[in-house]
Amino acid sequence: MEDLEFARRMRSLTSITLLDPPVETSPRRFNNLGSVRTSLLNNLIEGVSQYIVCRSFLFRC
């Protein structure tokens, strides 16, 4: 839901620009670790980064 809110706010500030050529991503991590491990790793990274931001800037978690 945060992505949708972000997109709505950005749309009110500027127009969407399509990249040419399109951006491509590599499936290397999914191929090496598998989808479950990759998802767990991504969630761990997100959780740690949110904790750091909360401790560093907000001081109230």
PDB file of N, CA and C in Angstrom:
ATOM      1  N   MET A   1       0.820  -1.198   0.000  1.00  0.00           N
ATOM      2  CA  MET A   1       0.000   0.000   0.000  1.00  0.00           C
ATOM      3  C   MET A   1       0.862   1.260   0.000  1.00  0.00           C
ATOM      4  N   GLU A   2       2.046   1.177   0.590  1.00  0.00           N
ATOM      5  CA  GLU A   2       2.931   2.334   0.601  1.00  0.00           C
ATOM      6  C   GLU A   2       3.369   2.698  -0.810  1.00  0.00           C
ATOM      7  N   ASP A   3       3.589   1.690  -1.646  1.00  0.00           N
ATOM      8  CA  ASP A   3       3.990   1.955  -3.025  1.00  0.00           C
ATOM      9  C   ASP A   3       2.901   2.691  -3.780  1.00  0.00           C
ATOM     10  N   LEU A   4       1.667   2.304  -3.546  1.00  0.00           N
ATOM     11  CA  LEU A   4       0.545   2.948  -4.211  1.00  0.00           C
ATOM     12  C   LEU A   4       0.426   4.408  -3.768  1.00  0.00           C
ATOM     13  N   GLU A   5       0.575   4.655  -2.488  1.00  0.00           N
ATOM     14  CA  GLU A   5       0.531   6.026  -1.976  1.00  0.00           C
ATOM     15  C   GLU A   5       1.680   6.845  -2.540  1.00  0.00           C
ATOM     16  N   PHE A   6       2.861   6.257  -2.597  1.00  0.00           N
ATOM     17  CA  PHE A   6       4.022   6.943  -3.169  1.00  0.00           C
ATOM     18  C   PHE A   6       3.770   7.304  -4.629  1.00  0.00           C
ATOM     19  N   ALA A   7       3.233   6.354  -5.392  1.00  0.00           N
ATOM     20  CA  ALA A   7       2.954   6.614  -6.808  1.00  0.00           C
ATOM     21  C   ALA A   7       1.924   7.715  -6.975  1.00  0.00           C
ATOM     22  N   ARG A   8       0.920   7.730  -6.154  1.00  0.00           N
ATOM     23  CA  ARG A   8      -0.097   8.789  -6.233  1.00  0.00           C
ATOM     24  C   ARG A   8       0.505  10.164  -5.949  1.00  0.00           C
ATOM     25  N   ARG A   9       1.350  10.237  -4.943  1.00  0.00           N
ATOM     26  CA  ARG A   9       1.980  11.521  -4.618  1.00  0.00           C
ATOM     27  C   ARG A   9       2.934  11.972  -5.713  1.00  0.00           C
ATOM     28  N   MET A  10       3.684  11.048  -6.260  1.00  0.00           N
ATOM     29  CA  MET A  10       4.608  11.404  -7.335  1.00  0.00           C
ATOM     30  C   MET A  10       3.857  11.859  -8.579  1.00  0.00           C
ATOM     31  N   ARG A  11       2.735  11.218  -8.865  1.00  0.00           N
ATOM     32  CA  ARG A  11       1.942  11.592 -10.037  1.00  0.00           C
ATOM     33  C   ARG A  11       1.451  13.029  -9.926  1.00  0.00           C
ATOM     34  N   SER A  12       1.177  13.476  -8.708  1.00  0.00           N
ATOM     35  CA  SER A  12       0.705  14.849  -8.541  1.00  0.00           C
ATOM     36  C   SER A  12       1.848  15.855  -8.723  1.00  0.00           C
ATOM     37  N   LEU A  13       3.104  15.393  -8.607  1.00  0.00           N
ATOM     38  CA  LEU A  13       4.252  16.285  -8.744  1.00  0.00           C
ATOM     39  C   LEU A  13       4.847  16.314 -10.148  1.00  0.00           C
ATOM     40  N   THR A  14       4.790  15.189 -10.839  1.00  0.00           N
ATOM     41  CA  THR A  14       5.438  15.094 -12.138  1.00  0.00           C
ATOM     42  C   THR A  14       4.761  14.024 -12.980  1.00  0.00           C
ATOM     43  N   SER A  15       5.131  13.935 -14.236  1.00  0.00           N
ATOM     44  CA  SER A  15       4.566  12.903 -15.102  1.00  0.00           C
ATOM     45  C   SER A  15       5.471  11.672 -15.098  1.00  0.00           C
ATOM     46  N   ILE A  16       4.914  10.549 -15.486  1.00  0.00           N
ATOM     47  CA  ILE A  16       5.655   9.296 -15.538  1.00  0.00           C
ATOM     48  C   ILE A  16       6.474   9.267 -16.820  1.00  0.00           C
ATOM     49  N   THR A  17       7.731   8.853 -16.719  1.00  0.00           N
ATOM     50  CA  THR A  17       8.607   8.747 -17.867  1.00  0.00           C
ATOM     51  C   THR A  17       8.989   7.290 -18.058  1.00  0.00           C
ATOM     52  N   LEU A  18       8.788   6.804 -19.270  1.00  0.00           N
ATOM     53  CA  LEU A  18       9.174   5.435 -19.585  1.00  0.00           C
ATOM     54  C   LEU A  18      10.615   5.429 -20.058  1.00  0.00           C
ATOM     55  N   LEU A  19      11.379   4.471 -19.571  1.00  0.00           N
ATOM     56  CA  LEU A  19      12.777   4.357 -19.955  1.00  0.00           C
ATOM     57  C   LEU A  19      12.900   3.557 -21.239  1.00  0.00           C
ATOM     58  N   ASP A  20      13.817   3.989 -22.085  1.00  0.00           N
ATOM     59  CA  ASP A  20      14.058   3.265 -23.320  1.00  0.00           C
ATOM     60  C   ASP A  20      15.554   3.075 -23.462  1.00  0.00           C
ATOM     61  N   PRO A  21      16.104   1.939 -23.369  1.00  0.00           N
ATOM     62  CA  PRO A  21      15.470   0.640 -23.236  1.00  0.00           C
ATOM     63  C   PRO A  21      14.991   0.392 -21.800  1.00  0.00           C
ATOM     64  N   PRO A  22      14.075  -0.535 -21.626  1.00  0.00           N
ATOM     65  CA  PRO A  22      13.554  -0.823 -20.287  1.00  0.00           C
ATOM     66  C   PRO A  22      14.647  -1.335 -19.344  1.00  0.00           C
ATOM     67  N   VAL A  23      14.445  -1.126 -18.065  1.00  0.00           N
ATOM     68  CA  VAL A  23      15.377  -1.624 -17.054  1.00  0.00           C
ATOM     69  C   VAL A  23      15.182  -3.128 -16.912  1.00  0.00           C
ATOM     70  N   GLU A  24      16.286  -3.839 -16.867  1.00  0.00           N
ATOM     71  CA  GLU A  24      16.224  -5.288 -16.693  1.00  0.00           C
ATOM     72  C   GLU A  24      16.888  -5.656 -15.373  1.00  0.00           C
ATOM     73  N   THR A  25      16.337  -6.632 -14.706  1.00  0.00           N
ATOM     74  CA  THR A  25      16.920  -7.110 -13.458  1.00  0.00           C
ATOM     75  C   THR A  25      17.427  -8.533 -13.642  1.00  0.00           C
ATOM     76  N   SER A  26      18.337  -8.909 -12.799  1.00  0.00           N
ATOM     77  CA  SER A  26      18.928 -10.237 -12.891  1.00  0.00           C
ATOM     78  C   SER A  26      18.255 -11.182 -11.895  1.00  0.00           C
ATOM     79  N   PRO A  27      17.934 -12.392 -12.319  1.00  0.00           N
ATOM     80  CA  PRO A  27      17.350 -13.385 -11.398  1.00  0.00           C
ATOM     81  C   PRO A  27      18.421 -14.167 -10.634  1.00  0.00           C
ATOM     82  N   ARG A  28      19.674 -13.652 -10.645  1.00  0.00           N
ATOM     83  CA  ARG A  28      20.797 -14.395 -10.068  1.00  0.00           C
ATOM     84  C   ARG A  28      20.553 -14.815  -8.621  1.00  0.00           C
ATOM     85  N   ARG A  29      20.067 -13.893  -7.786  1.00  0.00           N
ATOM     86  CA  ARG A  29      19.872 -14.228  -6.374  1.00  0.00           C
ATOM     87  C   ARG A  29      18.793 -15.293  -6.215  1.00  0.00           C
ATOM     88  N   PHE A  30      17.703 -15.178  -6.987  1.00  0.00           N
ATOM     89  CA  PHE A  30      16.652 -16.198  -6.912  1.00  0.00           C
ATOM     90  C   PHE A  30      17.176 -17.546  -7.381  1.00  0.00           C
ATOM     91  N   ASN A  31      17.991 -17.534  -8.427  1.00  0.00           N
ATOM     92  CA  ASN A  31      18.546 -18.800  -8.928  1.00  0.00           C
ATOM     93  C   ASN A  31      19.515 -19.418  -7.932  1.00  0.00           C
ATOM     94  N   ASN A  32      20.318 -18.594  -7.265  1.00  0.00           N
ATOM     95  CA  ASN A  32      21.317 -19.117  -6.325  1.00  0.00           C
ATOM     96  C   ASN A  32      20.710 -19.551  -5.001  1.00  0.00           C
ATOM     97  N   LEU A  33      19.808 -18.747  -4.443  1.00  0.00           N
ATOM     98  CA  LEU A  33      19.272 -19.016  -3.110  1.00  0.00           C
ATOM     99  C   LEU A  33      17.903 -19.679  -3.110  1.00  0.00           C
ATOM    100  N   GLY A  34      17.175 -19.558  -4.184  1.00  0.00           N
ATOM    101  CA  GLY A  34      15.799 -20.037  -4.220  1.00  0.00           C
ATOM    102  C   GLY A  34      14.856 -18.930  -3.785  1.00  0.00           C
ATOM    103  N   SER A  35      13.596 -19.081  -4.123  1.00  0.00           N
ATOM    104  CA  SER A  35      12.638 -18.008  -3.869  1.00  0.00           C
ATOM    105  C   SER A  35      12.345 -17.805  -2.383  1.00  0.00           C
ATOM    106  N   VAL A  36      12.284 -18.875  -1.606  1.00  0.00           N
ATOM    107  CA  VAL A  36      11.966 -18.746  -0.178  1.00  0.00           C
ATOM    108  C   VAL A  36      13.109 -18.045   0.568  1.00  0.00           C
ATOM    109  N   ARG A  37      14.327 -18.496   0.355  1.00  0.00           N
ATOM    110  CA  ARG A  37      15.468 -17.864   1.022  1.00  0.00           C
ATOM    111  C   ARG A  37      15.641 -16.409   0.590  1.00  0.00           C
ATOM    112  N   THR A  38      15.434 -16.141  -0.697  1.00  0.00           N
ATOM    113  CA  THR A  38      15.556 -14.769  -1.183  1.00  0.00           C
ATOM    114  C   THR A  38      14.510 -13.875  -0.547  1.00  0.00           C
ATOM    115  N   SER A  39      13.274 -14.353  -0.441  1.00  0.00           N
ATOM    116  CA  SER A  39      12.214 -13.573   0.202  1.00  0.00           C
ATOM    117  C   SER A  39      12.529 -13.325   1.673  1.00  0.00           C
ATOM    118  N   LEU A  40      13.020 -14.348   2.371  1.00  0.00           N
ATOM    119  CA  LEU A  40      13.395 -14.175   3.775  1.00  0.00           C
ATOM    120  C   LEU A  40      14.538 -13.175   3.924  1.00  0.00           C
ATOM    121  N   LEU A  41      15.526 -13.256   3.050  1.00  0.00           N
ATOM    122  CA  LEU A  41      16.644 -12.319   3.091  1.00  0.00           C
ATOM    123  C   LEU A  41      16.169 -10.894   2.837  1.00  0.00           C
ATOM    124  N   ASN A  42      15.310 -10.702   1.845  1.00  0.00           N
ATOM    125  CA  ASN A  42      14.776  -9.367   1.556  1.00  0.00           C
ATOM    126  C   ASN A  42      13.997  -8.813   2.738  1.00  0.00           C
ATOM    127  N   ASN A  43      13.195  -9.649   3.384  1.00  0.00           N
ATOM    128  CA  ASN A  43      12.430  -9.206   4.555  1.00  0.00           C
ATOM    129  C   ASN A  43      13.351  -8.874   5.726  1.00  0.00           C
ATOM    130  N   LEU A  44      14.405  -9.651   5.902  1.00  0.00           N
ATOM    131  CA  LEU A  44      15.371  -9.366   6.957  1.00  0.00           C
ATOM    132  C   LEU A  44      16.057  -8.024   6.713  1.00  0.00           C
ATOM    133  N   ILE A  45      16.491  -7.786   5.484  1.00  0.00           N
ATOM    134  CA  ILE A  45      17.145  -6.521   5.144  1.00  0.00           C
ATOM    135  C   ILE A  45      16.196  -5.360   5.368  1.00  0.00           C
ATOM    136  N   GLU A  46      14.944  -5.509   4.959  1.00  0.00           N
ATOM    137  CA  GLU A  46      13.959  -4.441   5.150  1.00  0.00           C
ATOM    138  C   GLU A  46      13.714  -4.183   6.638  1.00  0.00           C
ATOM    139  N   GLY A  47      13.590  -5.231   7.420  1.00  0.00           N
ATOM    140  CA  GLY A  47      13.349  -5.071   8.848  1.00  0.00           C
ATOM    141  C   GLY A  47      14.504  -4.393   9.554  1.00  0.00           C
ATOM    142  N   VAL A  48      15.721  -4.781   9.222  1.00  0.00           N
ATOM    143  CA  VAL A  48      16.900  -4.165   9.838  1.00  0.00           C
ATOM    144  C   VAL A  48      16.993  -2.706   9.446  1.00  0.00           C
ATOM    145  N   SER A  49      16.750  -2.385   8.173  1.00  0.00           N
ATOM    146  CA  SER A  49      16.842  -0.995   7.741  1.00  0.00           C
ATOM    147  C   SER A  49      15.762  -0.139   8.396  1.00  0.00           C
ATOM    148  N   GLN A  50      14.560  -0.678   8.577  1.00  0.00           N
ATOM    149  CA  GLN A  50      13.511   0.074   9.266  1.00  0.00           C
ATOM    150  C   GLN A  50      13.883   0.300  10.727  1.00  0.00           C
ATOM    151  N   TYR A  51      14.497  -0.679  11.361  1.00  0.00           N
ATOM    152  CA  TYR A  51      14.930  -0.538  12.750  1.00  0.00           C
ATOM    153  C   TYR A  51      15.987   0.555  12.875  1.00  0.00           C
ATOM    154  N   ILE A  52      16.944   0.550  11.949  1.00  0.00           N
ATOM    155  CA  ILE A  52      18.011   1.555  11.983  1.00  0.00           C
ATOM    156  C   ILE A  52      17.442   2.953  11.778  1.00  0.00           C
ATOM    157  N   VAL A  53      16.548   3.109  10.816  1.00  0.00           N
ATOM    158  CA  VAL A  53      15.930   4.418  10.577  1.00  0.00           C
ATOM    159  C   VAL A  53      15.145   4.858  11.802  1.00  0.00           C
ATOM    160  N   CYS A  54      14.408   3.946  12.377  1.00  0.00           N
ATOM    161  CA  CYS A  54      13.603   4.270  13.549  1.00  0.00           C
ATOM    162  C   CYS A  54      14.488   4.701  14.703  1.00  0.00           C
ATOM    163  N   ARG A  55      15.557   3.972  14.957  1.00  0.00           N
ATOM    164  CA  ARG A  55      16.458   4.327  16.068  1.00  0.00           C
ATOM    165  C   ARG A  55      17.221   5.612  15.784  1.00  0.00           C
ATOM    166  N   SER A  56      17.610   5.827  14.558  1.00  0.00           N
ATOM    167  CA  SER A  56      18.468   6.954  14.223  1.00  0.00           C
ATOM    168  C   SER A  56      17.706   8.269  14.131  1.00  0.00           C
ATOM    169  N   PHE A  57      16.509   8.240  13.582  1.00  0.00           N
ATOM    170  CA  PHE A  57      15.833   9.481  13.254  1.00  0.00           C
ATOM    171  C   PHE A  57      14.566   9.744  14.094  1.00  0.00           C
ATOM    172  N   LEU A  58      13.871   8.701  14.418  1.00  0.00           N
ATOM    173  CA  LEU A  58      12.588   8.898  15.077  1.00  0.00           C
ATOM    174  C   LEU A  58      12.681   8.843  16.589  1.00  0.00           C
ATOM    175  N   PHE A  59      13.601   8.067  17.120  1.00  0.00           N
ATOM    176  CA  PHE A  59      13.828   7.920  18.553  1.00  0.00           C
ATOM    177  C   PHE A  59      12.608   7.410  19.323  1.00  0.00           C
ATOM    178  N   ARG A  60      11.607   6.945  18.626  1.00  0.00           N
ATOM    179  CA  ARG A  60      10.447   6.354  19.309  1.00  0.00           C
ATOM    180  C   ARG A  60       9.913   5.209  18.457  1.00  0.00           C
ATOM    181  N   CYS A  61      10.133   4.017  18.897  1.00  0.00           N
ATOM    182  CA  CYS A  61       9.718   2.847  18.126  1.00  0.00           C
ATOM    183  C   CYS A  61       8.640   2.087  18.884  1.00  0.00           C
TER     184      CYS A  61
END
